[in-house]
Amino acid sequence: MSIPIEEVVKELTELLGSKTVAMIGGVGETRAVAQWTSGRLPQRPNVLRFTLQVATMILSARDPDVVRAWFHGSNPHLRDRVPAVLLRNESLVEIQAEIMAAARIFASR
């Protein structure tokens, strides 16, 4: 995705909410999310860009409430782990393919 990170954060916030964006972005306060939309660079921009990519893919097949639930729910295709927690705690390199595969399966149903 080549859109500015400020726009990525705005779109994610509208879709997932600032608490979820803060969690995935690796911060404890939503104030940081607001700062990211005003020019401050997030610590994990690649994770946020990937999250928007996954969220957009699911949104193309489902409504926003389902997208939010997917990120917070236990996922059988991720060995019953929660996507938002994986994005917060794990290296993107290690989980990217697994999360994308789980999202594709979900979006195709």
C-alpha atoms as a PDB file:
ATOM      1  CA  MET A   1       0.000   0.000   0.000  1.00  0.00           C
ATOM      2  CA  SER A   2       1.406   3.316  -1.008  1.00  0.00           C
ATOM      3  CA  ILE A   3      -1.009   5.615   0.807  1.00  0.00           C
ATOM      4  CA  PRO A   4       0.441   7.835   3.556  1.00  0.00           C
ATOM      5  CA  ILE A   5       0.584   6.253   6.983  1.00  0.00           C
ATOM      6  CA  GLU A   6      -1.715   8.978   8.342  1.00  0.00           C
ATOM      7  CA  GLU A   7      -4.414   7.783   5.944  1.00  0.00           C
ATOM      8  CA  VAL A   8      -3.769   4.138   6.852  1.00  0.00           C
ATOM      9  CA  VAL A   9      -4.299   4.975  10.523  1.00  0.00           C
ATOM     10  CA  LYS A  10      -7.449   7.013   9.790  1.00  0.00           C
ATOM     11  CA  GLU A  11      -8.989   4.189   7.771  1.00  0.00           C
ATOM     12  CA  LEU A  12      -8.075   1.590  10.381  1.00  0.00           C
ATOM     13  CA  THR A  13      -9.481   3.754  13.157  1.00  0.00           C
ATOM     14  CA  GLU A  14     -12.770   4.172  11.307  1.00  0.00           C
ATOM     15  CA  LEU A  15     -12.992   0.445  10.701  1.00  0.00           C
ATOM     16  CA  LEU A  16     -11.538  -1.138  13.853  1.00  0.00           C
ATOM     17  CA  GLY A  17     -11.623   1.654  16.434  1.00  0.00           C
ATOM     18  CA  SER A  18      -8.762   3.505  18.074  1.00  0.00           C
ATOM     19  CA  LYS A  19      -8.303   0.972  20.909  1.00  0.00           C
ATOM     20  CA  THR A  20      -7.712  -1.869  18.470  1.00  0.00           C
ATOM     21  CA  VAL A  21      -5.396   0.264  16.316  1.00  0.00           C
ATOM     22  CA  ALA A  22      -3.420   1.240  19.416  1.00  0.00           C
ATOM     23  CA  MET A  23      -3.132  -2.390  20.482  1.00  0.00           C
ATOM     24  CA  ILE A  24      -2.009  -3.584  17.047  1.00  0.00           C
ATOM     25  CA  GLY A  25       0.324  -0.606  16.771  1.00  0.00           C
ATOM     26  CA  GLY A  26       2.007  -1.586  20.019  1.00  0.00           C
ATOM     27  CA  VAL A  27       0.965   1.326  22.214  1.00  0.00           C
ATOM     28  CA  GLY A  28      -1.154   1.505  25.326  1.00  0.00           C
ATOM     29  CA  GLU A  29      -2.968   4.765  24.680  1.00  0.00           C
ATOM     30  CA  THR A  30      -5.309   5.913  21.963  1.00  0.00           C
ATOM     31  CA  ARG A  31      -3.692   9.341  22.186  1.00  0.00           C
ATOM     32  CA  ALA A  32      -0.790   7.929  20.157  1.00  0.00           C
ATOM     33  CA  VAL A  33      -3.212   6.875  17.421  1.00  0.00           C
ATOM     34  CA  ALA A  34      -4.499  10.450  17.175  1.00  0.00           C
ATOM     35  CA  GLN A  35      -0.897  11.656  16.931  1.00  0.00           C
ATOM     36  CA  TRP A  36      -0.235   9.217  14.094  1.00  0.00           C
ATOM     37  CA  THR A  37      -2.966  10.916  12.076  1.00  0.00           C
ATOM     38  CA  SER A  38      -1.262  14.271  12.676  1.00  0.00           C
ATOM     39  CA  GLY A  39       2.195  13.459  11.392  1.00  0.00           C
ATOM     40  CA  ARG A  40       3.867  11.453  14.148  1.00  0.00           C
ATOM     41  CA  LEU A  41       5.223   8.197  12.762  1.00  0.00           C
ATOM     42  CA  PRO A  42       4.019   4.970  14.378  1.00  0.00           C
ATOM     43  CA  GLN A  43       6.577   2.471  15.617  1.00  0.00           C
ATOM     44  CA  ARG A  44       5.107  -0.340  13.521  1.00  0.00           C
ATOM     45  CA  PRO A  45       3.903   1.162  10.227  1.00  0.00           C
ATOM     46  CA  ASN A  46       4.291  -2.091   8.292  1.00  0.00           C
ATOM     47  CA  VAL A  47       2.028  -3.905  10.741  1.00  0.00           C
ATOM     48  CA  LEU A  48      -0.587  -1.166  10.390  1.00  0.00           C
ATOM     49  CA  ARG A  49      -0.389  -1.260   6.580  1.00  0.00           C
ATOM     50  CA  PHE A  50      -0.744  -5.041   6.592  1.00  0.00           C
ATOM     51  CA  THR A  51      -3.684  -4.805   8.997  1.00  0.00           C
ATOM     52  CA  LEU A  52      -5.446  -2.401   6.640  1.00  0.00           C
ATOM     53  CA  GLN A  53      -4.793  -4.738   3.725  1.00  0.00           C
ATOM     54  CA  VAL A  54      -6.348  -7.669   5.603  1.00  0.00           C
ATOM     55  CA  ALA A  55      -9.255  -5.586   6.903  1.00  0.00           C
ATOM     56  CA  THR A  56     -10.016  -4.259   3.416  1.00  0.00           C
ATOM     57  CA  MET A  57      -9.993  -7.761   1.962  1.00  0.00           C
ATOM     58  CA  ILE A  58     -12.477  -8.997   4.578  1.00  0.00           C
ATOM     59  CA  LEU A  59     -14.566  -5.832   4.201  1.00  0.00           C
ATOM     60  CA  SER A  60     -14.976  -6.529   0.492  1.00  0.00           C
ATOM     61  CA  ALA A  61     -16.974  -9.635   1.439  1.00  0.00           C
ATOM     62  CA  ARG A  62     -18.405  -8.744   4.862  1.00  0.00           C
ATOM     63  CA  ASP A  63     -19.723  -5.772   6.810  1.00  0.00           C
ATOM     64  CA  PRO A  64     -17.599  -3.676   9.230  1.00  0.00           C
ATOM     65  CA  ASP A  65     -18.968  -5.374  12.350  1.00  0.00           C
ATOM     66  CA  VAL A  66     -17.807  -8.735  11.022  1.00  0.00           C
ATOM     67  CA  VAL A  67     -14.373  -7.312  10.229  1.00  0.00           C
ATOM     68  CA  ARG A  68     -14.015  -6.067  13.819  1.00  0.00           C
ATOM     69  CA  ALA A  69     -15.170  -9.421  15.163  1.00  0.00           C
ATOM     70  CA  TRP A  70     -12.682 -11.282  12.946  1.00  0.00           C
ATOM     71  CA  PHE A  71      -9.757  -9.344  14.386  1.00  0.00           C
ATOM     72  CA  HIS A  72     -10.878 -10.012  17.976  1.00  0.00           C
ATOM     73  CA  GLY A  73     -12.136 -13.572  17.704  1.00  0.00           C
ATOM     74  CA  SER A  74     -10.372 -16.859  18.187  1.00  0.00           C
ATOM     75  CA  ASN A  75      -9.579 -18.191  14.717  1.00  0.00           C
ATOM     76  CA  PRO A  76      -9.416 -21.928  13.945  1.00  0.00           C
ATOM     77  CA  HIS A  77      -7.145 -21.231  10.944  1.00  0.00           C
ATOM     78  CA  LEU A  78      -4.682 -19.549  13.310  1.00  0.00           C
ATOM     79  CA  ARG A  79      -4.691 -22.432  15.799  1.00  0.00           C
ATOM     80  CA  ASP A  80      -7.401 -20.664  17.813  1.00  0.00           C
ATOM     81  CA  ARG A  81      -5.289 -17.560  18.277  1.00  0.00           C
ATOM     82  CA  VAL A  82      -6.694 -14.030  17.947  1.00  0.00           C
ATOM     83  CA  PRO A  83      -5.502 -12.020  14.907  1.00  0.00           C
ATOM     84  CA  ALA A  84      -5.235  -8.676  16.729  1.00  0.00           C
ATOM     85  CA  VAL A  85      -3.161 -10.258  19.505  1.00  0.00           C
ATOM     86  CA  LEU A  86      -0.884 -11.956  16.990  1.00  0.00           C
ATOM     87  CA  LEU A  87      -0.373  -8.648  15.185  1.00  0.00           C
ATOM     88  CA  ARG A  88       0.488  -6.982  18.489  1.00  0.00           C
ATOM     89  CA  ASN A  89       2.798  -9.644  19.893  1.00  0.00           C
ATOM     90  CA  GLU A  90       4.487 -11.414  16.997  1.00  0.00           C
ATOM     91  CA  SER A  91       6.889 -10.432  14.264  1.00  0.00           C
ATOM     92  CA  LEU A  92       5.049  -9.597  11.066  1.00  0.00           C
ATOM     93  CA  VAL A  93       7.475 -11.737   9.096  1.00  0.00           C
ATOM     94  CA  GLU A  94       6.498 -14.771  11.176  1.00  0.00           C
ATOM     95  CA  ILE A  95       2.713 -14.373  11.040  1.00  0.00           C
ATOM     96  CA  GLN A  96       1.965 -12.484   7.834  1.00  0.00           C
ATOM     97  CA  ALA A  97       1.377 -15.481   5.570  1.00  0.00           C
ATOM     98  CA  GLU A  98      -0.689 -17.310   8.183  1.00  0.00           C
ATOM     99  CA  ILE A  99      -2.950 -14.323   8.862  1.00  0.00           C
ATOM    100  CA  MET A 100      -3.393 -13.602   5.156  1.00  0.00           C
ATOM    101  CA  ALA A 101      -4.356 -17.225   4.491  1.00  0.00           C
ATOM    102  CA  ALA A 102      -6.888 -17.189   7.355  1.00  0.00           C
ATOM    103  CA  ALA A 103      -8.381 -13.921   6.086  1.00  0.00           C
ATOM    104  CA  ARG A 104      -8.664 -15.253   2.530  1.00  0.00           C
ATOM    105  CA  ILE A 105     -10.476 -18.351   3.757  1.00  0.00           C
ATOM    106  CA  PHE A 106     -12.856 -16.235   5.813  1.00  0.00           C
ATOM    107  CA  ALA A 107     -13.521 -13.706   3.042  1.00  0.00           C
ATOM    108  CA  SER A 108     -14.244 -16.443   0.508  1.00  0.00           C
ATOM    109  CA  ARG A 109     -17.043 -18.063   2.534  1.00  0.00           C
END
